[in-house]
Protein backbone atom coordinates (compact mmCIF):
# COMPACT_ATOMS: atom_id res chain seq x y z
CA UNK A 1 24.95 6.96 -49.31
CA UNK A 2 25.19 3.49 -47.91
CA UNK A 3 28.72 4.17 -46.80
CA UNK A 4 27.77 7.50 -45.23
CA UNK A 5 24.83 5.84 -43.29
CA UNK A 6 26.98 2.95 -42.20
CA UNK A 7 29.54 5.40 -40.75
CA UNK A 8 26.94 7.52 -38.82
CA UNK A 9 25.34 4.48 -37.41
CA UNK A 10 28.67 2.86 -36.16
CA UNK A 11 28.10 1.60 -32.66
CA UNK A 12 24.41 2.87 -32.52
CA UNK A 13 22.83 -0.45 -32.20
CA UNK A 14 21.71 0.22 -28.57
CA UNK A 15 18.04 -0.25 -27.34
CA UNK A 16 18.14 3.17 -25.70
CA UNK A 17 16.71 5.72 -28.21
CA UNK A 18 18.22 8.81 -26.51
CA UNK A 19 21.71 7.08 -26.36
CA UNK A 20 21.37 6.02 -29.97
CA UNK A 21 20.73 9.62 -31.09
CA UNK A 22 23.78 10.82 -29.17
CA UNK A 23 26.05 8.27 -30.69
CA UNK A 24 24.75 9.21 -34.25
CA UNK A 25 25.43 12.92 -33.41
CA UNK A 26 28.99 12.22 -32.40
CA UNK A 27 29.66 10.16 -35.48
CA UNK A 28 28.23 12.94 -37.65
CA UNK A 29 30.26 15.72 -35.96
CA UNK A 30 33.42 13.67 -36.01
CA UNK A 31 32.80 12.71 -39.89
CA UNK A 32 32.07 16.41 -40.87
CA UNK A 33 35.05 17.80 -38.79
CA UNK A 34 37.41 15.05 -40.23
CA UNK A 35 36.39 15.63 -43.78
CA UNK A 36 36.74 19.47 -43.38
CA UNK A 37 40.18 19.08 -41.95
CA UNK A 38 41.37 16.86 -44.76
CA UNK A 39 39.87 19.02 -47.52
CA UNK A 40 40.83 22.48 -46.17
CA UNK A 41 44.30 21.29 -45.01
CA UNK A 42 45.22 20.11 -48.56
CA UNK A 43 43.71 23.30 -50.13
CA UNK A 44 45.32 25.68 -47.74
CA UNK A 45 48.73 23.88 -48.31
CA UNK A 46 48.34 24.27 -52.02
CA UNK A 47 47.68 27.89 -52.05
CA UNK A 48 50.05 28.79 -49.10
CA UNK A 49 52.86 26.20 -49.00
CA UNK A 50 52.70 26.17 -45.19
CA UNK A 51 53.52 22.62 -44.06
CA UNK A 52 52.25 23.44 -40.50
CA UNK A 53 48.67 23.79 -41.71
CA UNK A 54 48.69 20.66 -43.59
CA UNK A 55 50.13 18.61 -40.78
CA UNK A 56 47.78 20.14 -38.26
CA UNK A 57 44.72 19.25 -40.34
CA UNK A 58 46.10 15.81 -40.98
CA UNK A 59 46.41 15.02 -37.34
CA UNK A 60 42.85 16.53 -36.55
CA UNK A 61 41.18 14.52 -39.37
CA UNK A 62 42.80 11.23 -38.37
CA UNK A 63 41.91 11.82 -34.76
CA UNK A 64 38.28 12.50 -35.63
CA UNK A 65 37.90 9.26 -37.42
CA UNK A 66 39.37 7.51 -34.33
CA UNK A 67 36.29 8.85 -32.45
CA UNK A 68 34.15 6.73 -34.73
CA UNK A 69 36.28 3.62 -33.79
CA UNK A 70 35.72 4.33 -30.22
CA UNK A 71 31.98 4.22 -30.68
CA UNK A 72 32.27 1.02 -32.47
CA UNK A 73 34.03 -0.42 -29.42
CA UNK A 74 31.10 0.93 -27.42
CA UNK A 75 33.12 3.34 -25.42
CA UNK A 76 30.49 6.11 -26.01
CA UNK A 77 31.37 8.47 -23.23
CA UNK A 78 35.12 8.32 -24.01
CA UNK A 79 34.32 8.89 -27.71
CA UNK A 80 32.33 12.12 -27.08
CA UNK A 81 34.97 13.42 -24.57
CA UNK A 82 37.82 12.60 -26.81
CA UNK A 83 36.00 14.49 -29.85
CA UNK A 84 35.59 17.67 -27.58
CA UNK A 85 39.25 17.58 -26.73
CA UNK A 86 40.16 17.34 -30.44
CA UNK A 87 37.95 20.36 -31.19
CA UNK A 88 39.59 22.40 -28.36
CA UNK A 89 43.17 21.41 -29.45
CA UNK A 90 42.27 22.27 -33.10
CA UNK A 91 40.77 25.57 -32.02
CA UNK A 92 43.77 26.53 -29.94
CA UNK A 93 46.32 25.47 -32.62
CA UNK A 94 44.73 26.97 -35.62
CA UNK A 95 43.49 30.07 -33.65
CA UNK A 96 47.26 30.84 -32.90
CA UNK A 97 48.77 30.26 -36.22
CA UNK A 98 45.94 32.03 -38.05
CA UNK A 99 45.42 34.82 -35.57
CA UNK A 100 46.00 37.47 -38.23
CA UNK A 101 43.35 36.06 -40.59
CA UNK A 102 40.40 34.60 -38.53
CA UNK A 103 38.70 35.16 -35.19
CA UNK A 104 38.81 31.64 -33.49
CA UNK A 105 36.76 32.80 -30.70
CA UNK A 106 33.67 32.53 -32.99
CA UNK A 107 33.86 28.87 -32.25
CA UNK A 108 32.81 29.43 -28.74
CA UNK A 109 29.13 28.53 -29.45
CA UNK A 110 30.20 25.36 -31.21
CA UNK A 111 32.68 24.27 -28.42
CA UNK A 112 30.23 24.90 -25.47
CA UNK A 113 27.20 23.74 -27.49
CA UNK A 114 28.70 20.39 -28.35
CA UNK A 115 29.80 19.74 -24.70
CA UNK A 116 26.19 20.12 -23.58
CA UNK A 117 24.72 18.19 -26.50
CA UNK A 118 26.97 15.02 -26.89
CA UNK A 119 28.68 14.50 -23.58
CA UNK A 120 26.38 12.75 -21.10
CA UNK A 121 28.62 11.97 -18.13
CA UNK A 122 28.41 15.00 -15.71
CA UNK A 123 32.09 14.98 -14.87
CA UNK A 124 33.27 14.75 -18.53
CA UNK A 125 30.77 17.56 -19.58
CA UNK A 126 31.92 19.89 -16.89
CA UNK A 127 35.52 19.13 -17.85
CA UNK A 128 34.86 19.91 -21.52
CA UNK A 129 33.07 23.18 -20.72
CA UNK A 130 35.95 24.25 -18.52
CA UNK A 131 38.47 23.28 -21.16
CA UNK A 132 36.59 25.21 -23.91
CA UNK A 133 36.68 28.34 -21.69
CA UNK A 134 40.41 27.91 -20.90
CA UNK A 135 40.90 27.55 -24.77
CA UNK A 136 39.19 30.86 -25.47
CA UNK A 137 41.16 32.69 -22.80
CA UNK A 138 44.53 31.32 -24.08
CA UNK A 139 43.59 32.47 -27.52
CA UNK A 140 42.97 36.01 -26.26
CA UNK A 141 46.22 35.91 -24.25
CA UNK A 142 48.20 34.75 -27.23
CA UNK A 143 46.75 37.63 -29.48
CA UNK A 144 48.15 40.24 -27.20
CA UNK A 145 51.47 38.41 -26.18
CA UNK A 146 52.26 36.59 -29.46
CA UNK A 147 53.75 33.70 -27.63
CA UNK A 148 52.90 31.58 -30.63
CA UNK A 149 53.62 33.59 -33.73
CA UNK A 150 51.00 33.72 -36.60
CA UNK A 151 51.73 32.75 -40.08
CA UNK A 152 52.26 35.44 -42.67
CA UNK A 153 50.37 34.96 -46.01
CA UNK A 154 50.27 36.84 -49.25
CA UNK A 155 47.11 38.94 -50.14
CA UNK A 156 45.45 36.38 -52.22
CA UNK A 157 46.08 33.66 -49.75
CA UNK A 158 44.98 35.77 -46.83
CA UNK A 159 41.52 36.49 -48.44
CA UNK A 160 40.96 32.86 -49.45
CA UNK A 161 41.93 31.34 -46.22
CA UNK A 162 40.02 34.13 -44.17
CA UNK A 163 36.65 33.43 -45.88
CA UNK A 164 37.14 29.74 -46.04
CA UNK A 165 37.86 29.66 -42.25
CA UNK A 166 34.69 31.74 -41.67
CA UNK A 167 32.76 29.31 -43.73
CA UNK A 168 34.13 26.29 -41.71
CA UNK A 169 33.18 28.06 -38.42
CA UNK A 170 29.69 29.21 -39.53
CA UNK A 171 29.04 25.78 -40.94
CA UNK A 172 29.95 23.95 -37.78
CA UNK A 173 27.87 26.47 -35.64
CA UNK A 174 24.90 25.87 -38.00
CA UNK A 175 25.33 22.18 -37.60
CA UNK A 176 25.14 22.32 -33.83
CA UNK A 177 22.21 24.73 -33.91
CA UNK A 178 20.43 22.21 -36.21
CA UNK A 179 21.06 19.40 -33.78
CA UNK A 180 19.39 21.45 -31.11
CA UNK A 181 16.54 22.49 -33.20
CA UNK A 182 15.97 18.94 -34.19
CA UNK A 183 16.29 17.89 -30.61
CA UNK A 184 13.70 20.49 -29.52
CA UNK A 185 11.26 19.56 -32.34
CA UNK A 186 11.36 15.96 -31.23
CA UNK A 187 10.60 16.94 -27.62
CA UNK A 188 7.82 19.23 -28.78
CA UNK A 189 6.34 16.52 -30.86
CA UNK A 190 6.59 14.04 -28.05
CA UNK A 191 4.86 16.48 -25.74
CA UNK A 192 2.05 17.13 -28.21
CA UNK A 193 1.54 13.36 -28.74
CA UNK A 194 1.49 12.85 -25.07
CA UNK A 195 -0.99 15.61 -24.63
CA UNK A 196 -3.21 14.32 -27.42
CA UNK A 197 -3.04 10.68 -25.84
CA UNK A 198 -3.27 11.68 -22.25
CA UNK A 199 -7.05 11.63 -22.06
CA UNK A 200 -7.19 8.33 -23.89
CA UNK A 201 -4.52 6.95 -21.45
CA UNK A 202 -6.54 8.20 -18.49
CA UNK A 203 -9.68 6.53 -19.69
CA UNK A 204 -7.73 3.36 -20.45
CA UNK A 205 -6.07 3.24 -16.98
CA UNK A 206 -9.36 4.20 -15.36
CA UNK A 207 -11.10 1.25 -17.23
CA UNK A 208 -8.21 -1.05 -16.28
CA UNK A 209 -8.63 0.08 -12.61
CA UNK A 210 -12.24 -0.43 -12.73
CA UNK A 211 -11.91 -3.89 -14.13
CA UNK A 212 -9.33 -4.86 -11.56
CA UNK A 213 -11.44 -3.52 -8.75
CA UNK A 214 -14.45 -5.55 -10.30
CA UNK A 215 -12.36 -8.71 -10.31
CA UNK A 216 -11.22 -8.04 -6.79
CA UNK A 217 -14.79 -7.66 -5.75
CA UNK A 218 -15.72 -10.85 -7.41
CA UNK A 219 -12.71 -12.75 -5.79
CA UNK A 220 -13.57 -11.33 -2.42
CA UNK A 221 -17.27 -12.22 -2.93
CA UNK A 222 -16.60 -15.81 -3.98
CA UNK A 223 -13.85 -16.36 -1.44
CA UNK A 224 -16.19 -15.05 1.36
CA UNK A 225 -18.81 -17.48 0.23
CA UNK A 226 -16.41 -20.49 -0.01
CA UNK A 227 -14.82 -19.77 3.38
CA UNK A 228 -18.33 -19.41 5.17
CA UNK A 229 -19.39 -22.97 4.01
CA UNK A 230 -16.81 -24.95 6.01
CA UNK A 231 -16.85 -22.31 8.67
CA UNK A 232 -20.51 -22.93 9.02
CA UNK A 233 -19.76 -26.56 9.86
CA UNK A 234 -17.09 -25.65 12.38
CA UNK A 235 -19.35 -23.20 14.16
CA UNK A 236 -22.15 -25.62 14.14
CA UNK A 237 -20.13 -28.31 15.75
CA UNK A 238 -18.80 -25.90 18.30
CA UNK A 239 -22.29 -24.74 19.30
CA UNK A 240 -23.58 -28.33 19.58
CA UNK A 241 -20.58 -29.26 21.66
CA UNK A 242 -21.06 -26.37 23.91
CA UNK A 243 -24.78 -27.29 24.37
CA UNK A 244 -23.85 -30.87 25.23
CA UNK A 245 -21.23 -29.71 27.68
CA UNK A 246 -23.53 -27.27 29.49
CA UNK A 247 -26.31 -29.84 29.54
CA UNK A 248 -23.85 -32.48 31.16
CA UNK A 249 -22.27 -29.80 33.38
CA UNK A 250 -18.83 -30.94 32.24
CA UNK A 251 -16.73 -28.04 33.28
CA UNK A 252 -13.42 -29.06 31.37
CA UNK A 253 -15.34 -29.77 28.17
CA UNK A 254 -17.30 -26.53 28.34
CA UNK A 255 -13.92 -24.67 28.33
CA UNK A 256 -12.74 -26.58 25.22
CA UNK A 257 -16.19 -25.90 23.45
CA UNK A 258 -16.11 -22.23 24.41
CA UNK A 259 -12.46 -22.04 22.81
CA UNK A 260 -13.75 -23.56 19.70
CA UNK A 261 -16.76 -21.13 19.57
CA UNK A 262 -14.44 -18.04 20.20
CA UNK A 263 -12.05 -19.22 17.40
CA UNK A 264 -14.98 -19.54 14.91
CA UNK A 265 -16.25 -16.06 16.05
CA UNK A 266 -12.93 -14.58 15.56
CA UNK A 267 -12.61 -16.19 12.00
CA UNK A 268 -15.92 -14.67 11.19
CA UNK A 269 -15.03 -11.32 12.50
CA UNK A 270 -11.97 -11.29 10.17
CA UNK A 271 -14.18 -12.29 7.15
CA UNK A 272 -16.72 -9.72 7.90
CA UNK A 273 -14.21 -6.96 8.18
CA UNK A 274 -12.49 -7.86 4.87
CA UNK A 275 -15.78 -8.00 3.26
CA UNK A 276 -16.83 -4.61 4.74
CA UNK A 277 -13.55 -2.97 3.64
CA UNK A 278 -14.08 -4.13 0.00
CA UNK A 279 -17.35 -2.27 -0.08
CA UNK A 280 -15.84 0.90 1.46
CA UNK A 281 -12.96 0.76 -1.11
CA UNK A 282 -15.40 0.30 -3.91
CA UNK A 283 -17.07 3.47 -2.93
CA UNK A 284 -20.33 1.73 -2.15
CA UNK A 285 -21.60 3.70 0.75
CA UNK A 286 -24.20 1.77 2.63
CA UNK A 287 -27.83 2.72 2.81
CA UNK A 288 -28.93 3.23 6.24
CA UNK A 289 -32.01 1.16 7.17
CA UNK A 290 -33.55 2.65 10.23
CA UNK A 291 -35.81 0.47 12.45
CA UNK A 292 -37.19 0.38 15.97
CA UNK A 293 -35.67 -2.21 18.19
CA UNK A 294 -35.01 -2.95 21.92
CA UNK A 295 -31.63 -1.48 22.62
CA UNK A 296 -31.23 -3.14 26.05
CA UNK A 297 -31.89 -6.61 24.55
CA UNK A 298 -29.37 -5.98 21.71
CA UNK A 299 -26.71 -5.09 24.25
CA UNK A 300 -27.45 -8.13 26.37
CA UNK A 301 -27.16 -10.31 23.38
CA UNK A 302 -23.93 -8.80 22.19
CA UNK A 303 -22.39 -9.33 25.59
CA UNK A 304 -23.65 -12.79 25.78
CA UNK A 305 -22.00 -13.70 22.40
CA UNK A 306 -18.79 -11.70 23.33
CA UNK A 307 -18.56 -13.51 26.53
CA UNK A 308 -17.66 -16.76 24.60
CA UNK A 309 -14.76 -15.06 23.13
CA UNK A 310 -13.69 -13.23 26.40
CA UNK A 311 -13.63 -16.51 28.42
CA UNK A 312 -10.75 -17.84 26.34
CA UNK A 313 -8.50 -15.37 28.14
CA UNK A 314 -10.32 -15.14 31.43
CA UNK A 315 -11.97 -11.77 30.71
CA UNK A 316 -15.34 -10.75 32.09
CA UNK A 317 -17.62 -8.47 30.23
CA UNK A 318 -19.93 -6.17 32.33
CA UNK A 319 -22.91 -4.34 30.86
CA UNK A 320 -23.67 -1.12 32.50
CA UNK A 321 -26.61 1.03 31.51
CA UNK A 322 -28.98 3.42 33.41
CA UNK A 323 -32.48 2.05 33.01
CA UNK A 324 -34.12 5.44 33.82
CA UNK A 325 -32.09 7.29 31.20
CA UNK A 326 -31.57 4.66 28.37
CA UNK A 327 -34.84 4.29 26.35
CA UNK A 328 -36.25 0.86 25.97
CA UNK A 329 -36.34 1.20 22.22
CA UNK A 330 -34.29 3.30 19.76
CA UNK A 331 -34.57 4.04 16.02
CA UNK A 332 -31.41 3.66 13.95
CA UNK A 333 -29.78 1.02 11.71
CA UNK A 334 -29.64 -1.98 14.04
CA UNK A 335 -27.19 -4.00 11.87
CA UNK A 336 -24.60 -1.27 11.53
CA UNK A 337 -24.92 -0.46 15.28
CA UNK A 338 -24.27 -4.07 16.03
CA UNK A 339 -21.26 -4.10 13.85
CA UNK A 340 -19.77 -0.95 15.60
CA UNK A 341 -20.38 -2.37 19.11
CA UNK A 342 -18.95 -5.89 18.18
CA UNK A 343 -15.79 -4.34 16.66
CA UNK A 344 -15.23 -2.08 19.62
CA UNK A 345 -16.01 -4.84 22.06
CA UNK A 346 -13.90 -7.48 20.39
CA UNK A 347 -11.05 -4.94 20.06
CA UNK A 348 -11.24 -4.25 23.99
CA UNK A 349 -11.24 -8.05 24.70
CA UNK A 350 -8.15 -8.59 22.46
CA UNK A 351 -6.00 -5.89 24.11
CA UNK A 352 -7.15 -6.02 27.73
CA UNK A 353 -4.99 -7.97 30.04
CA UNK A 354 -5.75 -11.54 30.93
CA UNK A 355 -8.31 -12.19 33.78
CA UNK A 356 -9.42 -8.49 33.59
CA UNK A 357 -12.80 -6.66 33.08
CA UNK A 358 -14.06 -5.04 29.95
CA UNK A 359 -17.13 -2.74 30.53
CA UNK A 360 -19.73 -2.02 27.90
CA UNK A 361 -21.66 1.01 29.07
CA UNK A 362 -24.72 2.93 27.49
CA UNK A 363 -26.19 6.23 28.59
CA UNK A 364 -27.72 9.45 27.26
CA UNK A 365 -25.81 12.74 26.99
CA UNK A 366 -27.24 15.94 25.48
CA UNK A 367 -29.65 14.27 23.18
CA UNK A 368 -27.13 11.66 22.01
CA UNK A 369 -26.85 8.00 22.80
CA UNK A 370 -23.36 7.22 24.06
CA UNK A 371 -22.01 3.66 24.00
CA UNK A 372 -18.57 3.23 25.39
CA UNK A 373 -16.24 0.24 25.77
CA UNK A 374 -13.61 0.31 28.46
CA UNK A 375 -10.65 -2.14 28.72
CA UNK A 376 -7.95 -2.70 31.34
CA UNK A 377 -5.05 -3.00 28.86
CA UNK A 378 -1.60 -1.40 28.48
CA UNK A 379 -3.08 1.75 26.98
CA UNK A 380 -2.13 3.62 23.70
CA UNK A 381 0.60 6.02 23.40
CA UNK A 382 0.12 9.49 21.86
CA UNK A 383 2.05 8.81 18.68
CA UNK A 384 -0.04 5.77 17.97
CA UNK A 385 -3.32 7.50 18.80
CA UNK A 386 -3.51 9.50 15.52
CA UNK A 387 -3.52 6.84 12.97
CA UNK A 388 -5.47 4.33 15.15
CA UNK A 389 -8.64 4.57 12.82
CA UNK A 390 -6.52 3.93 9.58
CA UNK A 391 -6.90 0.63 7.93
CA UNK A 392 -4.38 -2.23 8.70
CA UNK A 393 -3.13 -0.37 11.81
CA UNK A 394 -2.79 -2.86 14.61
CA UNK A 395 -0.50 -4.21 17.31
CA UNK A 396 0.65 -7.82 17.52
CA UNK A 397 -1.44 -9.71 20.09
CA UNK A 398 -0.96 -13.18 21.39
CA UNK A 399 -4.72 -13.60 21.65
CA UNK A 400 -5.55 -12.69 18.23
CA UNK A 401 -3.52 -11.09 15.61
CA UNK A 402 -6.24 -9.21 13.71
CA UNK A 403 -6.27 -7.54 10.38
CA UNK A 404 -6.34 -3.86 11.79
CA UNK A 405 -9.65 -3.31 10.10
CA UNK A 406 -12.15 -3.28 12.95
CA UNK A 407 -11.67 0.25 14.21
CA UNK A 408 -11.48 1.64 10.63
CA UNK A 409 -14.81 0.06 9.65
CA UNK A 410 -16.42 1.07 12.95
CA UNK A 411 -15.60 4.72 12.20
CA UNK A 412 -16.85 4.44 8.73
CA UNK A 413 -20.14 3.00 10.01
CA UNK A 414 -20.50 5.48 12.68
CA UNK A 415 -20.19 8.37 10.21
CA UNK A 416 -23.08 6.69 8.13
CA UNK A 417 -25.28 6.79 11.31
CA UNK A 418 -24.47 10.53 12.00
CA UNK A 419 -22.20 9.64 14.94
CA UNK A 420 -18.55 9.88 15.95
CA UNK A 421 -16.17 7.56 17.61
CA UNK A 422 -13.50 9.01 20.11
CA UNK A 423 -10.80 7.44 22.08
CA UNK A 424 -9.26 8.14 25.54
CA UNK A 425 -6.31 6.24 26.89
CA UNK A 426 -3.94 6.25 29.87
CA UNK A 427 -0.83 4.18 29.71
CA UNK A 428 -0.99 1.29 32.21
CA UNK A 429 -4.58 1.82 32.91
CA UNK A 430 -6.44 1.09 29.78
CA UNK A 431 -8.48 2.67 26.91
CA UNK A 432 -11.99 3.85 26.43
CA UNK A 433 -13.69 4.03 22.93
CA UNK A 434 -16.86 6.04 22.90
CA UNK A 435 -19.49 6.06 20.17
CA UNK A 436 -22.02 8.84 20.23
CA UNK A 437 -24.92 9.13 17.68
CA UNK A 438 -28.22 11.02 17.58
CA UNK A 439 -30.81 9.70 20.12
CA UNK A 440 -34.12 8.71 18.49
CA UNK A 441 -36.21 7.06 21.08
CA UNK A 442 -39.64 5.59 20.30
CA UNK A 443 -42.63 3.96 21.96
CA UNK A 444 -43.01 0.10 22.12
CA UNK A 445 -43.01 -1.33 18.46
CA UNK A 446 -46.23 -2.83 17.23
CA UNK A 447 -44.50 -6.20 17.21
CA UNK A 448 -42.06 -6.22 20.21
CA UNK A 449 -38.96 -8.24 19.95
CA UNK A 450 -39.10 -11.71 21.66
CA UNK A 451 -36.64 -12.33 24.50
CA UNK A 452 -34.01 -14.97 23.65
CA UNK A 453 -35.60 -18.38 23.60
CA UNK A 454 -33.78 -21.10 25.41
CA UNK A 455 -33.09 -24.13 23.25
CA UNK A 456 -34.70 -26.96 25.14
CA UNK A 457 -34.99 -30.62 24.00
CA UNK A 458 -38.21 -31.31 22.11
CA UNK A 459 -39.37 -27.80 22.28
CA UNK A 460 -40.74 -28.13 18.66
CA UNK A 461 -41.97 -31.78 19.02
CA UNK A 462 -43.51 -33.17 15.89
CA UNK A 463 -42.65 -30.04 13.67
CA UNK A 464 -41.88 -31.24 10.23
CA UNK A 465 -38.86 -29.43 8.74
CA UNK A 466 -37.17 -29.77 5.29
CA UNK A 467 -33.61 -28.96 5.03
CA UNK A 468 -32.09 -28.29 1.50
CA UNK A 469 -28.38 -27.95 1.82
CA UNK A 470 -25.76 -29.20 -0.58
CA UNK A 471 -22.71 -29.14 1.85
CA UNK A 472 -22.82 -32.47 3.74
CA UNK A 473 -21.20 -31.18 7.02
CA UNK A 474 -23.49 -28.14 7.23
CA UNK A 475 -26.57 -30.43 6.46
CA UNK A 476 -25.51 -33.13 9.07
CA UNK A 477 -25.09 -30.64 11.92
CA UNK A 478 -28.00 -28.45 11.22
CA UNK A 479 -30.15 -31.67 11.11
CA UNK A 480 -28.74 -32.73 14.47
CA UNK A 481 -29.60 -29.33 16.07
CA UNK A 482 -33.14 -29.48 14.56
CA UNK A 483 -33.65 -32.96 15.73
CA UNK A 484 -32.56 -32.15 19.21
CA UNK A 485 -35.24 -29.58 19.32
CA UNK A 486 -37.77 -32.27 18.56
CA UNK A 487 -38.28 -31.46 14.74
CA UNK A 488 -38.87 -34.37 12.26
CA UNK A 489 -36.23 -33.45 9.67
CA UNK A 490 -36.10 -34.51 6.03
CA UNK A 491 -33.08 -33.36 4.05
CA UNK A 492 -32.16 -32.91 0.32
CA UNK A 493 -28.98 -31.90 -1.28
CA UNK A 494 -30.36 -30.22 -4.40
CA UNK A 495 -33.21 -28.19 -5.70
CA UNK A 496 -34.70 -30.74 -7.88
CA UNK A 497 -34.75 -33.25 -5.22
CA UNK A 498 -36.47 -30.93 -2.95
CA UNK A 499 -39.22 -30.25 -5.51
CA UNK A 500 -39.74 -33.80 -5.95
CA UNK A 501 -39.94 -34.25 -2.25
CA UNK A 502 -42.42 -31.45 -1.88
CA UNK A 503 -44.80 -33.16 -4.27
CA UNK A 504 -45.33 -35.99 -1.67
CA UNK A 505 -44.24 -34.23 1.59
CA UNK A 506 -45.68 -31.04 3.26
CA UNK A 507 -43.40 -29.63 5.86
CA UNK A 508 -44.23 -26.95 8.43
CA UNK A 509 -40.99 -25.17 7.78
CA UNK A 510 -38.18 -25.14 5.05
CA UNK A 511 -34.59 -24.18 5.40
CA UNK A 512 -32.91 -23.74 1.90
CA UNK A 513 -29.42 -22.93 1.05
CA UNK A 514 -29.39 -20.03 -1.50
CA UNK A 515 -26.95 -21.54 -3.95
CA UNK A 516 -27.46 -25.18 -4.88
CA UNK A 517 -25.83 -27.18 -7.62
CA UNK A 518 -28.86 -27.18 -9.87
CA UNK A 519 -30.79 -24.12 -8.89
CA UNK A 520 -30.96 -21.17 -6.57
CA UNK A 521 -33.26 -20.72 -3.62
CA UNK A 522 -35.17 -18.10 -5.51
CA UNK A 523 -36.35 -20.75 -7.89
CA UNK A 524 -37.48 -22.84 -5.20
CA UNK A 525 -39.27 -20.03 -3.55
CA UNK A 526 -41.12 -19.30 -6.93
CA UNK A 527 -42.24 -22.95 -7.05
CA UNK A 528 -43.38 -22.90 -3.43
CA UNK A 529 -45.38 -19.63 -3.79
CA UNK A 530 -47.03 -20.86 -6.85
CA UNK A 531 -48.28 -24.25 -5.37
CA UNK A 532 -51.60 -23.76 -3.48
CA UNK A 533 -50.73 -26.36 -0.80
CA UNK A 534 -47.21 -24.96 -0.15
CA UNK A 535 -47.41 -21.24 -0.60
CA UNK A 536 -48.04 -20.57 3.10
CA UNK A 537 -45.08 -22.56 4.37
CA UNK A 538 -42.36 -20.22 5.91
CA UNK A 539 -39.06 -20.54 4.13
CA UNK A 540 -35.79 -19.55 5.69
CA UNK A 541 -32.96 -18.84 3.24
CA UNK A 542 -29.38 -19.62 4.35
CA UNK A 543 -26.25 -18.32 2.47
CA UNK A 544 -22.62 -17.33 2.72
CA UNK A 545 -23.41 -14.14 0.72
CA UNK A 546 -23.35 -11.37 3.28
CA UNK A 547 -24.29 -8.42 1.14
CA UNK A 548 -27.44 -6.42 1.78
CA UNK A 549 -28.62 -6.89 -1.82
CA UNK A 550 -28.57 -10.72 -1.41
CA UNK A 551 -30.68 -10.49 1.68
CA UNK A 552 -33.13 -8.07 0.01
CA UNK A 553 -33.30 -10.33 -3.08
CA UNK A 554 -34.22 -13.45 -0.97
CA UNK A 555 -36.92 -11.52 1.13
CA UNK A 556 -38.51 -10.10 -2.04
CA UNK A 557 -38.62 -13.62 -3.44
CA UNK A 558 -40.68 -14.64 -0.45
CA UNK A 559 -38.32 -15.85 2.26
CA UNK A 560 -39.47 -15.09 5.73
CA UNK A 561 -35.80 -14.69 6.98
CA UNK A 562 -32.21 -14.71 5.69
CA UNK A 563 -29.44 -16.30 7.78
CA UNK A 564 -25.82 -15.64 6.91
CA UNK A 565 -23.40 -18.55 7.37
CA UNK A 566 -21.94 -19.44 9.84
CA UNK A 567 -25.47 -19.82 11.32
CA UNK A 568 -25.87 -18.77 14.95
CA UNK A 569 -28.26 -21.40 16.46
CA UNK A 570 -29.52 -18.76 18.92
CA UNK A 571 -30.85 -16.54 16.16
CA UNK A 572 -32.09 -19.61 14.29
CA UNK A 573 -34.00 -20.71 17.39
CA UNK A 574 -35.53 -17.27 17.65
CA UNK A 575 -36.77 -17.50 14.03
CA UNK A 576 -38.01 -20.98 14.62
CA UNK A 577 -40.03 -19.93 17.55
CA UNK A 578 -41.78 -17.20 15.38
CA UNK A 579 -42.43 -19.60 12.59
CA UNK A 580 -43.54 -22.67 14.45
CA UNK A 581 -45.29 -21.10 17.47
CA UNK A 582 -47.09 -18.33 15.61
CA UNK A 583 -50.31 -19.24 13.72
CA UNK A 584 -50.58 -15.80 12.19
CA UNK A 585 -47.34 -16.44 10.19
CA UNK A 586 -48.07 -20.02 9.32
């Protein structure tokens, strides 16, 4: 048994399981055919005395075992092809000399079946099938023409050889059929195992995808927070420089400061869009928080901020709206509306020509509010119009490369607000993006929004402010800004230090970073709200966490406002004005 196993496994040490099985089949066929040739060759020679039978079977048997040697030399395709040629040659030779005794055409199934089973190379396989058909045709021709004369045998020899040959032919056909049955059984078993494991595989892959998506969300969240901290310092510096330049009427310095402000705004735009895309990809559809607000003031503030960016390429932003048609106050999600307009406006500034005009217009059409942004750029060709709202679709631009996410996110947010964004463009004349959403006007809110407060020196003279911030640069420049407004600022770099400070110092206002080395702002808020002398002090939480749940958590913990880094000093000043000049709040 060991010898037989060694012969059948000759050359079958390949990693590929299918190739290994094919090599084993070739070895088995060669061994069986060779042994039958030797045995029946000797047997037929003994009973008939025909030397031609013995020599033919001797050559066939020897050639079959040479096939096993070819497999050992790893010439697998040649070995299979060579074995088929041996079978065809033997069939033709013995079919001619034994034509009066056996029907050699019964080997047709064997010859064609082995060609399909063991020959992998397409050219070799086709050749083997063609040669098998030619062999069968030649046998039929020889039967009628007698070109190769058949041997004559006595009656006993004829009967013995006839039934022995039939037994050989049937055995070979059974062998090839068994190979096919075994192959089909293996395929069926594999299919059944695959079907049984499919649900488990799907669950496993779904779990892996969810885990990967979770890790991606954590990575984006942490990266977003870490980037916003240094960006906060850069943005603070740029705002202070711009204030100094404007106060000193230093025209050249103003331009440099505006460029720095524009760069920090662009960096913030990229961060916000990447963060927004992660929420969309995660299937976290935003909740819509409707509120009443002054739409005209919102548009004016957006244009004011956008003008910092636009000045860098000499672009002027014009705000155009009809006061008689556009209501003073609307009801919708103010934050999402701001994101949509900012993305459309910055996109227009990016692609308009230098020293041109971008127009932000607002009007009412058929019970819908329509906000449009027109640029004077090169326009968009028709073939580029269709995928323009797909993610990562953008054109290179020397002013700002961009991520190609702004329009995609704007469209997503527009859908959440029940609106649509459309685009019209003329090559060489520019492009217009229009956002239409349901018009829900309202009367003046009970607490109308205050106009933008100009940051004048000493406007909060004597106000005591405690700043709790662990990042040195952010703390330094926030302190400078507050000191410029006249505030008496005390700063701490940790939660425990701030609590110790509050035991001997009562400020009028507290600005606390949300994440500190030793505790979170929520813990500081809990301490303040439980201290009788401190619980009425307004607390503003600052953080690089830009998710809505983070803001909600801070507000629920008792914060009066939540500022996302990098901090816009205009927004901070507006909140300071409410906190420090409103006795009702204090």
